[in-house]
């Protein structure tokens, strides 16, 4: 089973990387971009075959390591 975790900053948390991307886009002539939020994607290959147990394990991974849950949110996608 494969898991994809999308980690993004929570709303209201300052995003300097997003601001830098927005500024660079404007410098390259891509105006009209009113905001950018940067995040990360983490792909995992799991030995689990049961979706419920896989989701539970990946959630625990996110809580303990993959996301800083004070300032970040995450979403989990599972595929067989």
C-alpha atoms as a PDB file:
ATOM      1  CA  UNK A   1       0.000   0.000   0.000  1.00  0.00           C
ATOM      2  CA  UNK A   2       1.170   3.537  -0.714  1.00  0.00           C
ATOM      3  CA  UNK A   3       0.528   6.610   1.367  1.00  0.00           C
ATOM      4  CA  UNK A   4       0.894  10.228   0.346  1.00  0.00           C
ATOM      5  CA  UNK A   5       0.923  12.837   3.084  1.00  0.00           C
ATOM      6  CA  UNK A   6       0.305  16.507   2.262  1.00  0.00           C
ATOM      7  CA  UNK A   7       1.664  18.814   4.965  1.00  0.00           C
ATOM      8  CA  UNK A   8       0.714  22.505   4.906  1.00  0.00           C
ATOM      9  CA  UNK A   9       0.956  25.410   7.283  1.00  0.00           C
ATOM     10  CA  UNK A  10      -2.204  26.187   9.205  1.00  0.00           C
ATOM     11  CA  UNK A  11      -4.060  29.355   8.276  1.00  0.00           C
ATOM     12  CA  UNK A  12      -2.663  32.432   9.972  1.00  0.00           C
ATOM     13  CA  UNK A  13       0.854  31.010  10.270  1.00  0.00           C
ATOM     14  CA  UNK A  14       3.416  33.252   8.525  1.00  0.00           C
ATOM     15  CA  UNK A  15       4.859  31.540   5.422  1.00  0.00           C
ATOM     16  CA  UNK A  16       8.199  33.142   4.420  1.00  0.00           C
ATOM     17  CA  UNK A  17       8.822  30.498   1.752  1.00  0.00           C
ATOM     18  CA  UNK A  18       5.452  31.248   0.181  1.00  0.00           C
ATOM     19  CA  UNK A  19       6.224  34.977   0.211  1.00  0.00           C
ATOM     20  CA  UNK A  20       9.608  34.336  -1.456  1.00  0.00           C
ATOM     21  CA  UNK A  21       7.919  32.256  -4.170  1.00  0.00           C
ATOM     22  CA  UNK A  22       5.294  34.956  -4.710  1.00  0.00           C
ATOM     23  CA  UNK A  23       8.014  37.611  -5.050  1.00  0.00           C
ATOM     24  CA  UNK A  24      10.046  35.456  -7.467  1.00  0.00           C
ATOM     25  CA  UNK A  25       6.966  34.822  -9.621  1.00  0.00           C
ATOM     26  CA  UNK A  26       6.340  38.572  -9.853  1.00  0.00           C
ATOM     27  CA  UNK A  27       9.978  39.136 -10.832  1.00  0.00           C
ATOM     28  CA  UNK A  28       9.585  36.553 -13.602  1.00  0.00           C
ATOM     29  CA  UNK A  29       6.561  38.386 -14.967  1.00  0.00           C
ATOM     30  CA  UNK A  30       3.835  36.248 -13.417  1.00  0.00           C
ATOM     31  CA  UNK A  31       1.797  39.064 -11.918  1.00  0.00           C
ATOM     32  CA  UNK A  32      -1.598  38.708 -10.351  1.00  0.00           C
ATOM     33  CA  UNK A  33      -0.561  36.052  -7.846  1.00  0.00           C
ATOM     34  CA  UNK A  34      -2.154  37.338  -4.655  1.00  0.00           C
ATOM     35  CA  UNK A  35      -0.783  34.718  -2.290  1.00  0.00           C
ATOM     36  CA  UNK A  36       1.333  31.578  -2.124  1.00  0.00           C
ATOM     37  CA  UNK A  37       1.427  28.929   0.593  1.00  0.00           C
ATOM     38  CA  UNK A  38       4.216  26.350   0.427  1.00  0.00           C
ATOM     39  CA  UNK A  39       4.005  22.842   1.817  1.00  0.00           C
ATOM     40  CA  UNK A  40       5.489  19.408   1.367  1.00  0.00           C
ATOM     41  CA  UNK A  41       4.459  16.002   0.076  1.00  0.00           C
ATOM     42  CA  UNK A  42       5.781  12.804   1.641  1.00  0.00           C
ATOM     43  CA  UNK A  43       5.348   9.473  -0.183  1.00  0.00           C
ATOM     44  CA  UNK A  44       5.523   6.259   1.836  1.00  0.00           C
ATOM     45  CA  UNK A  45       5.448   2.628   0.726  1.00  0.00           C
ATOM     46  CA  UNK A  46       3.852   0.478   3.402  1.00  0.00           C
ATOM     47  CA  UNK A  47       3.685  -3.266   3.961  1.00  0.00           C
ATOM     48  CA  UNK A  48       0.143  -2.889   5.360  1.00  0.00           C
ATOM     49  CA  UNK A  49      -2.683  -4.443   3.377  1.00  0.00           C
ATOM     50  CA  UNK A  50      -5.533  -3.198   5.583  1.00  0.00           C
ATOM     51  CA  UNK A  51      -6.489   0.414   4.844  1.00  0.00           C
ATOM     52  CA  UNK A  52      -7.698   1.181   8.366  1.00  0.00           C
ATOM     53  CA  UNK A  53      -4.492   0.000  10.033  1.00  0.00           C
ATOM     54  CA  UNK A  54      -2.362   1.754   7.407  1.00  0.00           C
ATOM     55  CA  UNK A  55      -4.208   5.029   7.990  1.00  0.00           C
ATOM     56  CA  UNK A  56      -3.797   4.639  11.746  1.00  0.00           C
ATOM     57  CA  UNK A  57      -0.035   4.020  11.417  1.00  0.00           C
ATOM     58  CA  UNK A  58       0.502   6.935   9.015  1.00  0.00           C
ATOM     59  CA  UNK A  59      -1.522   9.198  11.296  1.00  0.00           C
ATOM     60  CA  UNK A  60       0.775   8.219  14.183  1.00  0.00           C
ATOM     61  CA  UNK A  61       3.811   8.937  11.973  1.00  0.00           C
ATOM     62  CA  UNK A  62       2.429  12.388  11.201  1.00  0.00           C
ATOM     63  CA  UNK A  63       1.703  13.129  14.852  1.00  0.00           C
ATOM     64  CA  UNK A  64       5.176  12.037  15.981  1.00  0.00           C
ATOM     65  CA  UNK A  65       7.474  13.104  13.134  1.00  0.00           C
ATOM     66  CA  UNK A  66       6.153  14.102   9.739  1.00  0.00           C
ATOM     67  CA  UNK A  67       4.183  17.213  10.746  1.00  0.00           C
ATOM     68  CA  UNK A  68       4.563  19.850  13.422  1.00  0.00           C
ATOM     69  CA  UNK A  69       0.921  19.757  14.463  1.00  0.00           C
ATOM     70  CA  UNK A  70       1.201  23.046  16.353  1.00  0.00           C
ATOM     71  CA  UNK A  71       1.619  24.989  13.083  1.00  0.00           C
ATOM     72  CA  UNK A  72       0.949  22.414  10.335  1.00  0.00           C
ATOM     73  CA  UNK A  73      -2.028  20.435   9.079  1.00  0.00           C
ATOM     74  CA  UNK A  74      -1.800  17.191   7.136  1.00  0.00           C
ATOM     75  CA  UNK A  75      -3.931  15.058   4.873  1.00  0.00           C
ATOM     76  CA  UNK A  76      -3.385  11.374   4.137  1.00  0.00           C
ATOM     77  CA  UNK A  77      -4.133   9.635   0.818  1.00  0.00           C
ATOM     78  CA  UNK A  78      -3.903   5.837   0.596  1.00  0.00           C
ATOM     79  CA  UNK A  79      -3.742   3.714  -2.557  1.00  0.00           C
ATOM     80  CA  UNK A  80      -3.384  -0.067  -2.856  1.00  0.00           C
END
